[in-house]
Amino acid sequence: MLTKEQREELKERLTEEHEKVRRALESKNPNVDFGDDVDAGDEEADEAEEFATVLGVQQVEKEHLLDIEHALDKLKKGTYGVCEHCGKPIAYELLSVEPESRLCKSCKASA
């Protein structure tokens, strides 16, 4: 089980990471015109590729943000640090590396 100090430390880290990811998402607003010049096919292809890359990165960041929000919600409910698969405590060592983890080490290994 987590100590009160460990829980507070992880809550602070989750809150900081939440703010960091949220700001990163807000700053990445792709503004692509897909080549207004009809003679510039290469330009359109480059812009489409860049747009797809930005969208992919944003999707990963959105999923990370949701995981952090889920962990913060679990902290409020008092269920933080409990494996969602087996119900056993998640070791502090794992949470210190990945504070938004939903699974214990054993369940992560078998997933």
PDB file of N, CA and C in Angstrom:
ATOM      1  N   MET A   1       0.836  -1.189   0.000  1.00  0.00           N
ATOM      2  CA  MET A   1       0.000   0.000   0.000  1.00  0.00           C
ATOM      3  C   MET A   1       0.886   1.260   0.000  1.00  0.00           C
ATOM      4  N   LEU A   2       0.341   2.288  -0.592  1.00  0.00           N
ATOM      5  CA  LEU A   2       1.076   3.552  -0.667  1.00  0.00           C
ATOM      6  C   LEU A   2       0.960   4.312   0.646  1.00  0.00           C
ATOM      7  N   THR A   3       2.037   4.971   1.028  1.00  0.00           N
ATOM      8  CA  THR A   3       1.962   5.850   2.191  1.00  0.00           C
ATOM      9  C   THR A   3       1.299   7.159   1.772  1.00  0.00           C
ATOM     10  N   LYS A   4       0.907   7.934   2.744  1.00  0.00           N
ATOM     11  CA  LYS A   4       0.293   9.226   2.456  1.00  0.00           C
ATOM     12  C   LYS A   4       1.265  10.121   1.688  1.00  0.00           C
ATOM     13  N   GLU A   5       2.538  10.084   2.064  1.00  0.00           N
ATOM     14  CA  GLU A   5       3.552  10.897   1.402  1.00  0.00           C
ATOM     15  C   GLU A   5       3.738  10.467  -0.050  1.00  0.00           C
ATOM     16  N   GLN A   6       3.764   9.163  -0.290  1.00  0.00           N
ATOM     17  CA  GLN A   6       3.891   8.657  -1.662  1.00  0.00           C
ATOM     18  C   GLN A   6       2.688   9.068  -2.505  1.00  0.00           C
ATOM     19  N   ARG A   7       1.509   8.941  -1.928  1.00  0.00           N
ATOM     20  CA  ARG A   7       0.278   9.316  -2.629  1.00  0.00           C
ATOM     21  C   ARG A   7       0.298  10.806  -2.988  1.00  0.00           C
ATOM     22  N   GLU A   8       0.730  11.638  -2.068  1.00  0.00           N
ATOM     23  CA  GLU A   8       0.810  13.081  -2.320  1.00  0.00           C
ATOM     24  C   GLU A   8       1.844  13.407  -3.399  1.00  0.00           C
ATOM     25  N   GLU A   9       2.976  12.743  -3.333  1.00  0.00           N
ATOM     26  CA  GLU A   9       4.022  12.957  -4.339  1.00  0.00           C
ATOM     27  C   GLU A   9       3.505  12.582  -5.734  1.00  0.00           C
ATOM     28  N   LEU A  10       2.851  11.440  -5.842  1.00  0.00           N
ATOM     29  CA  LEU A  10       2.339  10.979  -7.133  1.00  0.00           C
ATOM     30  C   LEU A  10       1.205  11.882  -7.627  1.00  0.00           C
ATOM     31  N   LYS A  11       0.386  12.368  -6.716  1.00  0.00           N
ATOM     32  CA  LYS A  11      -0.690  13.290  -7.094  1.00  0.00           C
ATOM     33  C   LYS A  11      -0.100  14.571  -7.680  1.00  0.00           C
ATOM     34  N   GLU A  12       0.940  15.080  -7.041  1.00  0.00           N
ATOM     35  CA  GLU A  12       1.603  16.295  -7.524  1.00  0.00           C
ATOM     36  C   GLU A  12       2.207  16.069  -8.911  1.00  0.00           C
ATOM     37  N   ARG A  13       2.862  14.934  -9.090  1.00  0.00           N
ATOM     38  CA  ARG A  13       3.450  14.616 -10.397  1.00  0.00           C
ATOM     39  C   ARG A  13       2.377  14.478 -11.470  1.00  0.00           C
ATOM     40  N   LEU A  14       1.269  13.814 -11.140  1.00  0.00           N
ATOM     41  CA  LEU A  14       0.173  13.657 -12.099  1.00  0.00           C
ATOM     42  C   LEU A  14      -0.426  15.009 -12.468  1.00  0.00           C
ATOM     43  N   THR A  15      -0.594  15.868 -11.488  1.00  0.00           N
ATOM     44  CA  THR A  15      -1.161  17.197 -11.737  1.00  0.00           C
ATOM     45  C   THR A  15      -0.239  18.017 -12.633  1.00  0.00           C
ATOM     46  N   GLU A  16       1.054  17.972 -12.369  1.00  0.00           N
ATOM     47  CA  GLU A  16       2.023  18.693 -13.204  1.00  0.00           C
ATOM     48  C   GLU A  16       2.042  18.147 -14.628  1.00  0.00           C
ATOM     49  N   GLU A  17       2.026  16.830 -14.765  1.00  0.00           N
ATOM     50  CA  GLU A  17       2.039  16.209 -16.092  1.00  0.00           C
ATOM     51  C   GLU A  17       0.754  16.528 -16.856  1.00  0.00           C
ATOM     52  N   HIS A  18      -0.354  16.566 -16.134  1.00  0.00           N
ATOM     53  CA  HIS A  18      -1.635  16.909 -16.761  1.00  0.00           C
ATOM     54  C   HIS A  18      -1.570  18.303 -17.375  1.00  0.00           C
ATOM     55  N   GLU A  19      -1.051  19.230 -16.631  1.00  0.00           N
ATOM     56  CA  GLU A  19      -0.945  20.604 -17.115  1.00  0.00           C
ATOM     57  C   GLU A  19       0.011  20.685 -18.310  1.00  0.00           C
ATOM     58  N   LYS A  20       1.122  19.991 -18.233  1.00  0.00           N
ATOM     59  CA  LYS A  20       2.114  19.990 -19.311  1.00  0.00           C
ATOM     60  C   LYS A  20       1.522  19.423 -20.606  1.00  0.00           C
ATOM     61  N   VAL A  21       0.842  18.297 -20.523  1.00  0.00           N
ATOM     62  CA  VAL A  21       0.259  17.672 -21.712  1.00  0.00           C
ATOM     63  C   VAL A  21      -0.878  18.531 -22.259  1.00  0.00           C
ATOM     64  N   ARG A  22      -1.686  19.083 -21.376  1.00  0.00           N
ATOM     65  CA  ARG A  22      -2.788  19.951 -21.808  1.00  0.00           C
ATOM     66  C   ARG A  22      -2.267  21.158 -22.578  1.00  0.00           C
ATOM     67  N   ARG A  23      -1.215  21.791 -22.059  1.00  0.00           N
ATOM     68  CA  ARG A  23      -0.621  22.942 -22.749  1.00  0.00           C
ATOM     69  C   ARG A  23      -0.039  22.535 -24.096  1.00  0.00           C
ATOM     70  N   ALA A  24       0.606  21.374 -24.142  1.00  0.00           N
ATOM     71  CA  ALA A  24       1.191  20.889 -25.395  1.00  0.00           C
ATOM     72  C   ALA A  24       0.104  20.661 -26.437  1.00  0.00           C
ATOM     73  N   LEU A  25      -1.005  20.102 -26.028  1.00  0.00           N
ATOM     74  CA  LEU A  25      -2.105  19.873 -26.963  1.00  0.00           C
ATOM     75  C   LEU A  25      -2.678  21.190 -27.480  1.00  0.00           C
ATOM     76  N   GLU A  26      -2.801  22.154 -26.610  1.00  0.00           N
ATOM     77  CA  GLU A  26      -3.344  23.452 -27.019  1.00  0.00           C
ATOM     78  C   GLU A  26      -2.415  24.165 -27.995  1.00  0.00           C
ATOM     79  N   SER A  27      -1.123  23.958 -27.845  1.00  0.00           N
ATOM     80  CA  SER A  27      -0.173  24.668 -28.700  1.00  0.00           C
ATOM     81  C   SER A  27      -0.019  24.012 -30.069  1.00  0.00           C
ATOM     82  N   LYS A  28      -0.460  22.783 -30.218  1.00  0.00           N
ATOM     83  CA  LYS A  28      -0.316  22.067 -31.489  1.00  0.00           C
ATOM     84  C   LYS A  28      -1.633  22.087 -32.252  1.00  0.00           C
ATOM     85  N   ASN A  29      -1.925  23.200 -32.831  1.00  0.00           N
ATOM     86  CA  ASN A  29      -3.137  23.325 -33.632  1.00  0.00           C
ATOM     87  C   ASN A  29      -2.726  23.368 -35.090  1.00  0.00           C
ATOM     88  N   PRO A  30      -2.800  22.221 -35.785  1.00  0.00           N
ATOM     89  CA  PRO A  30      -2.318  22.202 -37.169  1.00  0.00           C
ATOM     90  C   PRO A  30      -3.127  23.132 -38.061  1.00  0.00           C
ATOM     91  N   ASN A  31      -2.409  24.007 -38.734  1.00  0.00           N
ATOM     92  CA  ASN A  31      -3.036  24.956 -39.643  1.00  0.00           C
ATOM     93  C   ASN A  31      -2.428  24.720 -41.018  1.00  0.00           C
ATOM     94  N   VAL A  32      -3.026  23.793 -41.746  1.00  0.00           N
ATOM     95  CA  VAL A  32      -2.480  23.372 -43.031  1.00  0.00           C
ATOM     96  C   VAL A  32      -3.475  23.738 -44.118  1.00  0.00           C
ATOM     97  N   ASP A  33      -2.944  24.326 -45.197  1.00  0.00           N
ATOM     98  CA  ASP A  33      -3.838  24.704 -46.302  1.00  0.00           C
ATOM     99  C   ASP A  33      -3.815  23.695 -47.440  1.00  0.00           C
ATOM    100  N   PHE A  34      -3.022  22.641 -47.312  1.00  0.00           N
ATOM    101  CA  PHE A  34      -2.899  21.597 -48.323  1.00  0.00           C
ATOM    102  C   PHE A  34      -2.601  22.161 -49.697  1.00  0.00           C
ATOM    103  N   GLY A  35      -1.705  23.112 -49.756  1.00  0.00           N
ATOM    104  CA  GLY A  35      -1.204  23.641 -51.027  1.00  0.00           C
ATOM    105  C   GLY A  35      -2.241  24.368 -51.840  1.00  0.00           C
ATOM    106  N   ASP A  36      -2.384  25.647 -51.601  1.00  0.00           N
ATOM    107  CA  ASP A  36      -3.324  26.452 -52.365  1.00  0.00           C
ATOM    108  C   ASP A  36      -2.918  26.557 -53.825  1.00  0.00           C
ATOM    109  N   ASP A  37      -1.670  26.326 -54.107  1.00  0.00           N
ATOM    110  CA  ASP A  37      -1.156  26.429 -55.469  1.00  0.00           C
ATOM    111  C   ASP A  37      -1.421  25.117 -56.197  1.00  0.00           C
ATOM    112  N   VAL A  38      -2.254  25.129 -57.225  1.00  0.00           N
ATOM    113  CA  VAL A  38      -2.640  23.907 -57.919  1.00  0.00           C
ATOM    114  C   VAL A  38      -1.479  23.254 -58.649  1.00  0.00           C
ATOM    115  N   ASP A  39      -0.415  23.978 -58.891  1.00  0.00           N
ATOM    116  CA  ASP A  39       0.748  23.414 -59.574  1.00  0.00           C
ATOM    117  C   ASP A  39       1.749  22.792 -58.612  1.00  0.00           C
ATOM    118  N   ALA A  40       1.457  22.795 -57.348  1.00  0.00           N
ATOM    119  CA  ALA A  40       2.428  22.336 -56.347  1.00  0.00           C
ATOM    120  C   ALA A  40       1.968  21.032 -55.702  1.00  0.00           C
ATOM    121  N   GLY A  41       1.932  19.959 -56.462  1.00  0.00           N
ATOM    122  CA  GLY A  41       1.508  18.663 -55.947  1.00  0.00           C
ATOM    123  C   GLY A  41       2.395  18.145 -54.838  1.00  0.00           C
ATOM    124  N   ASP A  42       3.697  18.379 -54.981  1.00  0.00           N
ATOM    125  CA  ASP A  42       4.624  17.938 -53.935  1.00  0.00           C
ATOM    126  C   ASP A  42       4.366  18.666 -52.630  1.00  0.00           C
ATOM    127  N   GLU A  43       4.050  19.945 -52.724  1.00  0.00           N
ATOM    128  CA  GLU A  43       3.765  20.739 -51.533  1.00  0.00           C
ATOM    129  C   GLU A  43       2.528  20.190 -50.825  1.00  0.00           C
ATOM    130  N   GLU A  44       1.501  19.859 -51.580  1.00  0.00           N
ATOM    131  CA  GLU A  44       0.287  19.304 -50.979  1.00  0.00           C
ATOM    132  C   GLU A  44       0.581  17.986 -50.282  1.00  0.00           C
ATOM    133  N   ALA A  45       1.362  17.141 -50.916  1.00  0.00           N
ATOM    134  CA  ALA A  45       1.709  15.851 -50.320  1.00  0.00           C
ATOM    135  C   ALA A  45       2.502  16.041 -49.035  1.00  0.00           C
ATOM    136  N   ASP A  46       3.453  16.977 -49.038  1.00  0.00           N
ATOM    137  CA  ASP A  46       4.238  17.259 -47.835  1.00  0.00           C
ATOM    138  C   ASP A  46       3.348  17.759 -46.709  1.00  0.00           C
ATOM    139  N   GLU A  47       2.428  18.656 -47.034  1.00  0.00           N
ATOM    140  CA  GLU A  47       1.537  19.210 -46.009  1.00  0.00           C
ATOM    141  C   GLU A  47       0.590  18.143 -45.474  1.00  0.00           C
ATOM    142  N   ALA A  48       0.103  17.269 -46.332  1.00  0.00           N
ATOM    143  CA  ALA A  48      -0.771  16.191 -45.883  1.00  0.00           C
ATOM    144  C   ALA A  48      -0.021  15.248 -44.953  1.00  0.00           C
ATOM    145  N   GLU A  49       1.223  14.945 -45.281  1.00  0.00           N
ATOM    146  CA  GLU A  49       2.039  14.073 -44.436  1.00  0.00           C
ATOM    147  C   GLU A  49       2.302  14.723 -43.081  1.00  0.00           C
ATOM    148  N   GLU A  50       2.634  15.996 -43.095  1.00  0.00           N
ATOM    149  CA  GLU A  50       2.877  16.723 -41.845  1.00  0.00           C
ATOM    150  C   GLU A  50       1.617  16.751 -40.986  1.00  0.00           C
ATOM    151  N   PHE A  51       0.469  16.985 -41.610  1.00  0.00           N
ATOM    152  CA  PHE A  51      -0.811  17.034 -40.905  1.00  0.00           C
ATOM    153  C   PHE A  51      -1.094  15.683 -40.241  1.00  0.00           C
ATOM    154  N   ALA A  52      -0.857  14.597 -40.975  1.00  0.00           N
ATOM    155  CA  ALA A  52      -1.095  13.258 -40.434  1.00  0.00           C
ATOM    156  C   ALA A  52      -0.178  12.982 -39.244  1.00  0.00           C
ATOM    157  N   THR A  53       1.060  13.426 -39.329  1.00  0.00           N
ATOM    158  CA  THR A  53       2.007  13.235 -38.240  1.00  0.00           C
ATOM    159  C   THR A  53       1.557  13.988 -36.995  1.00  0.00           C
ATOM    160  N   VAL A  54       1.145  15.232 -37.181  1.00  0.00           N
ATOM    161  CA  VAL A  54       0.677  16.048 -36.051  1.00  0.00           C
ATOM    162  C   VAL A  54      -0.558  15.417 -35.421  1.00  0.00           C
ATOM    163  N   LEU A  55      -1.481  14.946 -36.241  1.00  0.00           N
ATOM    164  CA  LEU A  55      -2.683  14.309 -35.702  1.00  0.00           C
ATOM    165  C   LEU A  55      -2.343  13.049 -34.913  1.00  0.00           C
ATOM    166  N   GLY A  56      -1.377  12.278 -35.395  1.00  0.00           N
ATOM    167  CA  GLY A  56      -0.953  11.074 -34.682  1.00  0.00           C
ATOM    168  C   GLY A  56      -0.366  11.397 -33.320  1.00  0.00           C
ATOM    169  N   VAL A  57       0.477  12.399 -33.270  1.00  0.00           N
ATOM    170  CA  VAL A  57       1.081  12.828 -32.003  1.00  0.00           C
ATOM    171  C   VAL A  57      -0.004  13.345 -31.063  1.00  0.00           C
ATOM    172  N   GLN A  58      -0.932  14.128 -31.594  1.00  0.00           N
ATOM    173  CA  GLN A  58      -2.014  14.650 -30.764  1.00  0.00           C
ATOM    174  C   GLN A  58      -2.858  13.522 -30.178  1.00  0.00           C
ATOM    175  N   GLN A  59      -3.124  12.485 -30.960  1.00  0.00           N
ATOM    176  CA  GLN A  59      -3.924  11.371 -30.463  1.00  0.00           C
ATOM    177  C   GLN A  59      -3.227  10.684 -29.292  1.00  0.00           C
ATOM    178  N   VAL A  60      -1.932  10.472 -29.403  1.00  0.00           N
ATOM    179  CA  VAL A  60      -1.171   9.853 -28.317  1.00  0.00           C
ATOM    180  C   VAL A  60      -1.233  10.741 -27.074  1.00  0.00           C
ATOM    181  N   GLU A  61      -1.074  12.041 -27.259  1.00  0.00           N
ATOM    182  CA  GLU A  61      -1.121  12.969 -26.125  1.00  0.00           C
ATOM    183  C   GLU A  61      -2.514  13.009 -25.502  1.00  0.00           C
ATOM    184  N   LYS A  62      -3.558  12.940 -26.317  1.00  0.00           N
ATOM    185  CA  LYS A  62      -4.928  12.921 -25.782  1.00  0.00           C
ATOM    186  C   LYS A  62      -5.162  11.675 -24.936  1.00  0.00           C
ATOM    187  N   GLU A  63      -4.680  10.539 -25.410  1.00  0.00           N
ATOM    188  CA  GLU A  63      -4.826   9.295 -24.651  1.00  0.00           C
ATOM    189  C   GLU A  63      -4.044   9.370 -23.343  1.00  0.00           C
ATOM    190  N   HIS A  64      -2.853   9.956 -23.387  1.00  0.00           N
ATOM    191  CA  HIS A  64      -2.050  10.134 -22.167  1.00  0.00           C
ATOM    192  C   HIS A  64      -2.793  11.037 -21.183  1.00  0.00           C
ATOM    193  N   LEU A  65      -3.378  12.105 -21.685  1.00  0.00           N
ATOM    194  CA  LEU A  65      -4.134  13.025 -20.842  1.00  0.00           C
ATOM    195  C   LEU A  65      -5.306  12.306 -20.176  1.00  0.00           C
ATOM    196  N   LEU A  66      -6.021  11.477 -20.929  1.00  0.00           N
ATOM    197  CA  LEU A  66      -7.141  10.717 -20.363  1.00  0.00           C
ATOM    198  C   LEU A  66      -6.664   9.746 -19.282  1.00  0.00           C
ATOM    199  N   ASP A  67      -5.516   9.110 -19.494  1.00  0.00           N
ATOM    200  CA  ASP A  67      -4.959   8.214 -18.480  1.00  0.00           C
ATOM    201  C   ASP A  67      -4.618   8.975 -17.204  1.00  0.00           C
ATOM    202  N   ILE A  68      -4.057  10.158 -17.355  1.00  0.00           N
ATOM    203  CA  ILE A  68      -3.722  10.982 -16.187  1.00  0.00           C
ATOM    204  C   ILE A  68      -4.992  11.397 -15.460  1.00  0.00           C
ATOM    205  N   GLU A  69      -5.999  11.830 -16.204  1.00  0.00           N
ATOM    206  CA  GLU A  69      -7.269  12.233 -15.592  1.00  0.00           C
ATOM    207  C   GLU A  69      -7.924  11.062 -14.859  1.00  0.00           C
ATOM    208  N   HIS A  70      -7.810   9.872 -15.427  1.00  0.00           N
ATOM    209  CA  HIS A  70      -8.352   8.676 -14.782  1.00  0.00           C
ATOM    210  C   HIS A  70      -7.632   8.423 -13.456  1.00  0.00           C
ATOM    211  N   ALA A  71      -6.311   8.550 -13.457  1.00  0.00           N
ATOM    212  CA  ALA A  71      -5.533   8.350 -12.238  1.00  0.00           C
ATOM    213  C   ALA A  71      -5.894   9.394 -11.180  1.00  0.00           C
ATOM    214  N   LEU A  72      -6.036  10.652 -11.596  1.00  0.00           N
ATOM    215  CA  LEU A  72      -6.426  11.704 -10.650  1.00  0.00           C
ATOM    216  C   LEU A  72      -7.818  11.447 -10.079  1.00  0.00           C
ATOM    217  N   ASP A  73      -8.722  10.939 -10.904  1.00  0.00           N
ATOM    218  CA  ASP A  73     -10.072  10.597 -10.442  1.00  0.00           C
ATOM    219  C   ASP A  73     -10.010   9.464  -9.418  1.00  0.00           C
ATOM    220  N   LYS A  74      -9.144   8.470  -9.681  1.00  0.00           N
ATOM    221  CA  LYS A  74      -8.982   7.370  -8.741  1.00  0.00           C
ATOM    222  C   LYS A  74      -8.413   7.865  -7.409  1.00  0.00           C
ATOM    223  N   LEU A  75      -7.535   8.859  -7.464  1.00  0.00           N
ATOM    224  CA  LEU A  75      -7.010   9.435  -6.223  1.00  0.00           C
ATOM    225  C   LEU A  75      -8.150  10.032  -5.398  1.00  0.00           C
ATOM    226  N   LYS A  76      -9.053  10.749  -6.060  1.00  0.00           N
ATOM    227  CA  LYS A  76     -10.195  11.353  -5.359  1.00  0.00           C
ATOM    228  C   LYS A  76     -11.111  10.294  -4.752  1.00  0.00           C
ATOM    229  N   LYS A  77     -11.283   9.188  -5.477  1.00  0.00           N
ATOM    230  CA  LYS A  77     -12.183   8.119  -5.020  1.00  0.00           C
ATOM    231  C   LYS A  77     -11.542   7.190  -4.007  1.00  0.00           C
ATOM    232  N   GLY A  78     -10.211   7.278  -3.864  1.00  0.00           N
ATOM    233  CA  GLY A  78      -9.517   6.415  -2.928  1.00  0.00           C
ATOM    234  C   GLY A  78      -9.175   5.051  -3.498  1.00  0.00           C
ATOM    235  N   THR A  79      -9.230   4.911  -4.815  1.00  0.00           N
ATOM    236  CA  THR A  79      -8.921   3.621  -5.443  1.00  0.00           C
ATOM    237  C   THR A  79      -7.592   3.652  -6.196  1.00  0.00           C
ATOM    238  N   TYR A  80      -6.845   4.717  -6.054  1.00  0.00           N
ATOM    239  CA  TYR A  80      -5.564   4.848  -6.750  1.00  0.00           C
ATOM    240  C   TYR A  80      -4.569   3.850  -6.188  1.00  0.00           C
ATOM    241  N   GLY A  81      -3.763   3.263  -7.085  1.00  0.00           N
ATOM    242  CA  GLY A  81      -2.736   2.327  -6.666  1.00  0.00           C
ATOM    243  C   GLY A  81      -3.234   0.899  -6.565  1.00  0.00           C
ATOM    244  N   VAL A  82      -4.464   0.641  -7.066  1.00  0.00           N
ATOM    245  CA  VAL A  82      -5.028  -0.699  -7.065  1.00  0.00           C
ATOM    246  C   VAL A  82      -5.148  -1.158  -8.516  1.00  0.00           C
ATOM    247  N   CYS A  83      -4.650  -2.346  -8.802  1.00  0.00           N
ATOM    248  CA  CYS A  83      -4.685  -2.897 -10.155  1.00  0.00           C
ATOM    249  C   CYS A  83      -6.136  -3.066 -10.611  1.00  0.00           C
ATOM    250  N   GLU A  84      -6.431  -2.576 -11.801  1.00  0.00           N
ATOM    251  CA  GLU A  84      -7.786  -2.673 -12.335  1.00  0.00           C
ATOM    252  C   GLU A  84      -8.109  -4.076 -12.835  1.00  0.00           C
ATOM    253  N   HIS A  85      -7.092  -4.925 -12.938  1.00  0.00           N
ATOM    254  CA  HIS A  85      -7.332  -6.286 -13.425  1.00  0.00           C
ATOM    255  C   HIS A  85      -7.488  -7.279 -12.269  1.00  0.00           C
ATOM    256  N   CYS A  86      -6.524  -7.283 -11.370  1.00  0.00           N
ATOM    257  CA  CYS A  86      -6.541  -8.294 -10.299  1.00  0.00           C
ATOM    258  C   CYS A  86      -6.952  -7.740  -8.932  1.00  0.00           C
ATOM    259  N   GLY A  87      -6.948  -6.416  -8.784  1.00  0.00           N
ATOM    260  CA  GLY A  87      -7.347  -5.805  -7.524  1.00  0.00           C
ATOM    261  C   GLY A  87      -6.254  -5.724  -6.476  1.00  0.00           C
ATOM    262  N   LYS A  88      -5.055  -6.173  -6.820  1.00  0.00           N
ATOM    263  CA  LYS A  88      -3.934  -6.099  -5.871  1.00  0.00           C
ATOM    264  C   LYS A  88      -3.290  -4.722  -5.937  1.00  0.00           C
ATOM    265  N   PRO A  89      -2.569  -4.341  -4.884  1.00  0.00           N
ATOM    266  CA  PRO A  89      -1.884  -3.045  -4.889  1.00  0.00           C
ATOM    267  C   PRO A  89      -0.816  -2.974  -5.986  1.00  0.00           C
ATOM    268  N   ILE A  90      -0.685  -1.806  -6.580  1.00  0.00           N
ATOM    269  CA  ILE A  90       0.378  -1.551  -7.559  1.00  0.00           C
ATOM    270  C   ILE A  90       1.570  -1.013  -6.779  1.00  0.00           C
ATOM    271  N   ALA A  91       2.721  -1.595  -6.994  1.00  0.00           N
ATOM    272  CA  ALA A  91       3.921  -1.214  -6.252  1.00  0.00           C
ATOM    273  C   ALA A  91       4.288   0.247  -6.514  1.00  0.00           C
ATOM    274  N   TYR A  92       4.768   0.904  -5.472  1.00  0.00           N
ATOM    275  CA  TYR A  92       5.211   2.295  -5.598  1.00  0.00           C
ATOM    276  C   TYR A  92       6.306   2.418  -6.650  1.00  0.00           C
ATOM    277  N   GLU A  93       7.173   1.410  -6.729  1.00  0.00           N
ATOM    278  CA  GLU A  93       8.262   1.445  -7.700  1.00  0.00           C
ATOM    279  C   GLU A  93       7.722   1.598  -9.128  1.00  0.00           C
ATOM    280  N   LEU A  94       6.622   0.918  -9.449  1.00  0.00           N
ATOM    281  CA  LEU A  94       6.013   1.026 -10.764  1.00  0.00           C
ATOM    282  C   LEU A  94       5.322   2.373 -10.917  1.00  0.00           C
ATOM    283  N   LEU A  95       4.583   2.788  -9.909  1.00  0.00           N
ATOM    284  CA  LEU A  95       3.872   4.069  -9.983  1.00  0.00           C
ATOM    285  C   LEU A  95       4.836   5.251 -10.033  1.00  0.00           C
ATOM    286  N   SER A  96       6.013   5.103  -9.441  1.00  0.00           N
ATOM    287  CA  SER A  96       6.969   6.206  -9.486  1.00  0.00           C
ATOM    288  C   SER A  96       7.510   6.404 -10.899  1.00  0.00           C
ATOM    289  N   VAL A  97       7.484   5.336 -11.712  1.00  0.00           N
ATOM    290  CA  VAL A  97       7.924   5.423 -13.102  1.00  0.00           C
ATOM    291  C   VAL A  97       6.754   5.808 -14.004  1.00  0.00           C
ATOM    292  N   GLU A  98       5.592   5.246 -13.735  1.00  0.00           N
ATOM    293  CA  GLU A  98       4.393   5.473 -14.542  1.00  0.00           C
ATOM    294  C   GLU A  98       3.205   5.720 -13.605  1.00  0.00           C
ATOM    295  N   PRO A  99       3.064   6.948 -13.092  1.00  0.00           N
ATOM    296  CA  PRO A  99       2.043   7.212 -12.077  1.00  0.00           C
ATOM    297  C   PRO A  99       0.604   7.000 -12.552  1.00  0.00           C
ATOM    298  N   GLU A 100       0.385   6.973 -13.865  1.00  0.00           N
ATOM    299  CA  GLU A 100      -0.974   6.770 -14.370  1.00  0.00           C
ATOM    300  C   GLU A 100      -1.275   5.293 -14.642  1.00  0.00           C
ATOM    301  N   SER A 101      -0.375   4.406 -14.216  1.00  0.00           N
ATOM    302  CA  SER A 101      -0.532   2.976 -14.467  1.00  0.00           C
ATOM    303  C   SER A 101      -1.841   2.456 -13.870  1.00  0.00           C
ATOM    304  N   ARG A 102      -2.524   1.623 -14.655  1.00  0.00           N
ATOM    305  CA  ARG A 102      -3.777   1.012 -14.220  1.00  0.00           C
ATOM    306  C   ARG A 102      -3.576  -0.419 -13.746  1.00  0.00           C
ATOM    307  N   LEU A 103      -2.410  -1.005 -14.078  1.00  0.00           N
ATOM    308  CA  LEU A 103      -2.167  -2.415 -13.800  1.00  0.00           C
ATOM    309  C   LEU A 103      -0.906  -2.615 -12.980  1.00  0.00           C
ATOM    310  N   CYS A 104      -0.896  -3.685 -12.190  1.00  0.00           N
ATOM    311  CA  CYS A 104       0.299  -4.052 -11.430  1.00  0.00           C
ATOM    312  C   CYS A 104       1.317  -4.674 -12.389  1.00  0.00           C
ATOM    313  N   LYS A 105       2.497  -4.922 -11.883  1.00  0.00           N
ATOM    314  CA  LYS A 105       3.574  -5.459 -12.709  1.00  0.00           C
ATOM    315  C   LYS A 105       3.205  -6.821 -13.311  1.00  0.00           C
ATOM    316  N   SER A 106       2.606  -7.693 -12.522  1.00  0.00           N
ATOM    317  CA  SER A 106       2.231  -9.025 -13.008  1.00  0.00           C
ATOM    318  C   SER A 106       1.205  -8.944 -14.123  1.00  0.00           C
ATOM    319  N   CYS A 107       0.185  -8.118 -13.955  1.00  0.00           N
ATOM    320  CA  CYS A 107      -0.857  -7.999 -14.979  1.00  0.00           C
ATOM    321  C   CYS A 107      -0.335  -7.298 -16.240  1.00  0.00           C
ATOM    322  N   LYS A 108       0.586  -6.360 -16.065  1.00  0.00           N
ATOM    323  CA  LYS A 108       1.211  -5.716 -17.229  1.00  0.00           C
ATOM    324  C   LYS A 108       2.001  -6.743 -18.041  1.00  0.00           C
ATOM    325  N   ALA A 109       2.710  -7.624 -17.337  1.00  0.00           N
ATOM    326  CA  ALA A 109       3.527  -8.626 -18.006  1.00  0.00           C
ATOM    327  C   ALA A 109       2.680  -9.628 -18.773  1.00  0.00           C
ATOM    328  N   SER A 110       1.500  -9.919 -18.263  1.00  0.00           N
ATOM    329  CA  SER A 110       0.651 -10.914 -18.924  1.00  0.00           C
ATOM    330  C   SER A 110      -0.278 -10.304 -19.973  1.00  0.00           C
ATOM    331  N   ALA A 111      -0.297  -8.970 -20.049  1.00  0.00           N
ATOM    332  CA  ALA A 111      -1.202  -8.311 -21.003  1.00  0.00           C
ATOM    333  C   ALA A 111      -0.652  -8.329 -22.413  1.00  0.00           C
TER     334      ALA A 111
END
